[in-house]
Amino acid sequence: ASYVLAMTTVGDSFDGLQRLAEALEMMDAGLSQAPVREVWEILPEPERRMEIDAAVEQPTEEAALAEASGRVMGDYLYLYPPGIPILVPGEVIQMKHIERVQNYLNRGLEVHGGYSKESGNVKVILHHG
């Protein structure tokens, strides 16, 4: 295989993730002489504007991903595989999230849920007023 999928959760500590990275690097050292890239960057914890159950009941609209900073997600936004959410309904989109999603897309990775590949828009809660 050309990649490894390691399942982690939001409950994993930085130290635990660092140990996983070190173990994978040790295993990889025996397989390849290619340089190991630093991939650990933890996203900031998103601000929760409302609970998920309330957010999914709100009317939504599409907004350009690049211009969605400060808007509230109206659907799940996740990288697949493995399918772990980047943002969930009710969380505020921050510039760091936009940059990360654009980075994923530039690398040819699949972003699903409240993201339209065709338009480059994300599903956000409709502005009131």
C-alpha atoms as a PDB file:
ATOM      1  CA  ALA A   1       0.000   0.000   0.000  1.00  0.00           C
ATOM      2  CA  SER A   2       1.142   3.547  -0.643  1.00  0.00           C
ATOM      3  CA  TYR A   3      -0.387   4.928   2.536  1.00  0.00           C
ATOM      4  CA  VAL A   4      -1.403   4.027   6.062  1.00  0.00           C
ATOM      5  CA  LEU A   5      -4.688   5.004   7.688  1.00  0.00           C
ATOM      6  CA  ALA A   6      -4.412   5.555  11.441  1.00  0.00           C
ATOM      7  CA  MET A   7      -7.672   6.179  13.256  1.00  0.00           C
ATOM      8  CA  THR A   8      -7.494   8.701  16.051  1.00  0.00           C
ATOM      9  CA  THR A   9     -10.105  10.656  17.964  1.00  0.00           C
ATOM     10  CA  VAL A  10     -10.496  14.127  19.402  1.00  0.00           C
ATOM     11  CA  GLY A  11      -9.778  12.536  22.778  1.00  0.00           C
ATOM     12  CA  ASP A  12      -6.240  11.542  21.794  1.00  0.00           C
ATOM     13  CA  SER A  13      -3.490  13.593  23.406  1.00  0.00           C
ATOM     14  CA  PHE A  14      -0.713  15.345  21.535  1.00  0.00           C
ATOM     15  CA  ASP A  15       1.788  13.036  23.291  1.00  0.00           C
ATOM     16  CA  GLY A  16      -0.108   9.971  22.096  1.00  0.00           C
ATOM     17  CA  LEU A  17      -0.185  11.274  18.536  1.00  0.00           C
ATOM     18  CA  GLN A  18       3.517  12.058  18.730  1.00  0.00           C
ATOM     19  CA  ARG A  19       4.243   8.463  19.862  1.00  0.00           C
ATOM     20  CA  LEU A  20       2.181   7.172  16.930  1.00  0.00           C
ATOM     21  CA  ALA A  21       4.132   9.394  14.529  1.00  0.00           C
ATOM     22  CA  GLU A  22       7.440   8.180  15.927  1.00  0.00           C
ATOM     23  CA  ALA A  23       6.366   4.523  15.648  1.00  0.00           C
ATOM     24  CA  LEU A  24       5.273   5.000  12.047  1.00  0.00           C
ATOM     25  CA  GLU A  25       8.537   6.762  11.232  1.00  0.00           C
ATOM     26  CA  MET A  26      10.503   3.844  12.707  1.00  0.00           C
ATOM     27  CA  MET A  27       8.510   1.332  10.665  1.00  0.00           C
ATOM     28  CA  ASP A  28       8.841   3.423   7.531  1.00  0.00           C
ATOM     29  CA  ALA A  29      12.600   3.770   7.960  1.00  0.00           C
ATOM     30  CA  GLY A  30      12.933   0.074   7.256  1.00  0.00           C
ATOM     31  CA  LEU A  31      10.844   0.296   4.100  1.00  0.00           C
ATOM     32  CA  SER A  32      11.999   3.426   2.329  1.00  0.00           C
ATOM     33  CA  GLN A  33      14.718   6.034   2.273  1.00  0.00           C
ATOM     34  CA  ALA A  34      12.247   8.791   1.337  1.00  0.00           C
ATOM     35  CA  PRO A  35      12.250  11.745   3.755  1.00  0.00           C
ATOM     36  CA  VAL A  36       9.475  11.812   6.349  1.00  0.00           C
ATOM     37  CA  ARG A  37       7.210  14.831   6.043  1.00  0.00           C
ATOM     38  CA  GLU A  38       5.937  16.669   9.101  1.00  0.00           C
ATOM     39  CA  VAL A  39       2.149  16.374   8.935  1.00  0.00           C
ATOM     40  CA  TRP A  40       1.068  17.163  12.483  1.00  0.00           C
ATOM     41  CA  GLU A  41      -0.891  20.342  12.713  1.00  0.00           C
ATOM     42  CA  ILE A  42      -3.802  20.447  15.087  1.00  0.00           C
ATOM     43  CA  LEU A  43      -6.752  22.559  14.017  1.00  0.00           C
ATOM     44  CA  PRO A  44      -8.029  25.082  16.504  1.00  0.00           C
ATOM     45  CA  GLU A  45     -11.081  23.951  18.421  1.00  0.00           C
ATOM     46  CA  PRO A  46     -14.030  25.487  16.587  1.00  0.00           C
ATOM     47  CA  GLU A  47     -16.411  27.854  18.298  1.00  0.00           C
ATOM     48  CA  ARG A  48     -19.806  26.214  18.725  1.00  0.00           C
ATOM     49  CA  ARG A  49     -22.549  28.707  17.906  1.00  0.00           C
ATOM     50  CA  MET A  50     -25.360  26.194  18.454  1.00  0.00           C
ATOM     51  CA  GLU A  51     -25.903  22.507  19.173  1.00  0.00           C
ATOM     52  CA  ILE A  52     -25.889  20.090  16.236  1.00  0.00           C
ATOM     53  CA  ASP A  53     -29.569  19.175  16.596  1.00  0.00           C
ATOM     54  CA  ALA A  54     -30.588  22.852  16.468  1.00  0.00           C
ATOM     55  CA  ALA A  55     -28.221  23.645  13.598  1.00  0.00           C
ATOM     56  CA  VAL A  56     -29.526  20.908  11.285  1.00  0.00           C
ATOM     57  CA  GLU A  57     -33.041  22.332  11.652  1.00  0.00           C
ATOM     58  CA  GLN A  58     -31.988  25.803  10.423  1.00  0.00           C
ATOM     59  CA  PRO A  59     -32.423  26.941   6.804  1.00  0.00           C
ATOM     60  CA  THR A  60     -29.157  26.865   4.849  1.00  0.00           C
ATOM     61  CA  GLU A  61     -27.551  28.468   1.837  1.00  0.00           C
ATOM     62  CA  GLU A  62     -24.328  27.935  -0.064  1.00  0.00           C
ATOM     63  CA  ALA A  63     -21.370  30.264   0.386  1.00  0.00           C
ATOM     64  CA  ALA A  64     -17.993  30.248  -1.343  1.00  0.00           C
ATOM     65  CA  LEU A  65     -15.529  28.354   0.862  1.00  0.00           C
ATOM     66  CA  ALA A  66     -12.945  31.125   0.511  1.00  0.00           C
ATOM     67  CA  GLU A  67     -15.449  33.679   1.836  1.00  0.00           C
ATOM     68  CA  ALA A  68     -17.085  31.572   4.574  1.00  0.00           C
ATOM     69  CA  SER A  69     -14.982  32.709   7.530  1.00  0.00           C
ATOM     70  CA  GLY A  70     -17.270  33.611  10.422  1.00  0.00           C
ATOM     71  CA  ARG A  71     -20.230  31.723   8.964  1.00  0.00           C
ATOM     72  CA  VAL A  72     -21.866  28.789  10.781  1.00  0.00           C
ATOM     73  CA  MET A  73     -21.755  25.318   9.223  1.00  0.00           C
ATOM     74  CA  GLY A  74     -25.138  23.945   8.231  1.00  0.00           C
ATOM     75  CA  ASP A  75     -23.891  20.428   7.469  1.00  0.00           C
ATOM     76  CA  TYR A  76     -20.981  18.125   8.282  1.00  0.00           C
ATOM     77  CA  LEU A  77     -17.699  18.855   6.507  1.00  0.00           C
ATOM     78  CA  TYR A  78     -15.337  15.906   6.469  1.00  0.00           C
ATOM     79  CA  LEU A  79     -12.318  14.411   4.780  1.00  0.00           C
ATOM     80  CA  TYR A  80     -12.947  10.981   3.276  1.00  0.00           C
ATOM     81  CA  PRO A  81     -11.346   8.626   3.929  1.00  0.00           C
ATOM     82  CA  PRO A  82     -11.570   8.190   6.857  1.00  0.00           C
ATOM     83  CA  GLY A  83     -14.752  10.264   7.270  1.00  0.00           C
ATOM     84  CA  ILE A  84     -13.930  12.180  10.444  1.00  0.00           C
ATOM     85  CA  PRO A  85     -15.531  15.641  10.512  1.00  0.00           C
ATOM     86  CA  ILE A  86     -13.469  18.783  10.113  1.00  0.00           C
ATOM     87  CA  LEU A  87     -16.515  20.819  11.184  1.00  0.00           C
ATOM     88  CA  VAL A  88     -20.031  19.853  12.264  1.00  0.00           C
ATOM     89  CA  PRO A  89     -23.328  21.752  12.026  1.00  0.00           C
ATOM     90  CA  GLY A  90     -23.416  24.706  14.394  1.00  0.00           C
ATOM     91  CA  GLU A  91     -19.647  25.340  14.423  1.00  0.00           C
ATOM     92  CA  VAL A  92     -18.145  28.599  13.190  1.00  0.00           C
ATOM     93  CA  ILE A  93     -15.854  28.360  10.166  1.00  0.00           C
ATOM     94  CA  GLN A  94     -12.461  29.929  10.860  1.00  0.00           C
ATOM     95  CA  MET A  95      -9.830  30.975   8.323  1.00  0.00           C
ATOM     96  CA  LYS A  96      -7.628  28.117   9.546  1.00  0.00           C
ATOM     97  CA  HIS A  97     -10.375  25.633   8.573  1.00  0.00           C
ATOM     98  CA  ILE A  98     -10.687  27.216   5.120  1.00  0.00           C
ATOM     99  CA  GLU A  99      -6.928  27.033   4.590  1.00  0.00           C
ATOM    100  CA  ARG A 100      -6.842  23.404   5.715  1.00  0.00           C
ATOM    101  CA  VAL A 101      -9.716  22.380   3.410  1.00  0.00           C
ATOM    102  CA  GLN A 102      -8.112  24.195   0.467  1.00  0.00           C
ATOM    103  CA  ASN A 103      -4.853  22.401   1.246  1.00  0.00           C
ATOM    104  CA  TYR A 104      -6.658  19.043   1.221  1.00  0.00           C
ATOM    105  CA  LEU A 105      -8.305  19.866  -2.102  1.00  0.00           C
ATOM    106  CA  ASN A 106      -5.013  21.036  -3.644  1.00  0.00           C
ATOM    107  CA  ARG A 107      -3.479  17.689  -2.650  1.00  0.00           C
ATOM    108  CA  GLY A 108      -6.275  15.831  -4.460  1.00  0.00           C
ATOM    109  CA  LEU A 109      -8.004  14.618  -1.294  1.00  0.00           C
ATOM    110  CA  GLU A 110     -11.787  14.232  -1.079  1.00  0.00           C
ATOM    111  CA  VAL A 111     -13.846  16.640   1.031  1.00  0.00           C
ATOM    112  CA  HIS A 112     -17.472  15.574   1.508  1.00  0.00           C
ATOM    113  CA  GLY A 113     -20.641  16.522   3.319  1.00  0.00           C
ATOM    114  CA  GLY A 114     -21.535  20.173   3.149  1.00  0.00           C
ATOM    115  CA  TYR A 115     -18.989  20.897   0.396  1.00  0.00           C
ATOM    116  CA  SER A 116     -19.801  21.053  -3.312  1.00  0.00           C
ATOM    117  CA  LYS A 117     -16.867  19.999  -5.456  1.00  0.00           C
ATOM    118  CA  GLU A 118     -18.514  21.511  -8.528  1.00  0.00           C
ATOM    119  CA  SER A 119     -19.070  25.010  -7.115  1.00  0.00           C
ATOM    120  CA  GLY A 120     -16.484  25.163  -4.327  1.00  0.00           C
ATOM    121  CA  ASN A 121     -19.250  26.185  -1.921  1.00  0.00           C
ATOM    122  CA  VAL A 122     -20.016  25.049   1.601  1.00  0.00           C
ATOM    123  CA  LYS A 123     -23.439  24.731   3.193  1.00  0.00           C
ATOM    124  CA  VAL A 124     -23.887  27.362   5.899  1.00  0.00           C
ATOM    125  CA  ILE A 125     -26.780  28.487   8.047  1.00  0.00           C
ATOM    126  CA  LEU A 126     -28.785  31.199   6.351  1.00  0.00           C
ATOM    127  CA  HIS A 127     -28.069  34.738   7.550  1.00  0.00           C
ATOM    128  CA  HIS A 128     -31.025  36.266   9.333  1.00  0.00           C
ATOM    129  CA  GLY A 129     -31.639  39.951   8.812  1.00  0.00           C
END
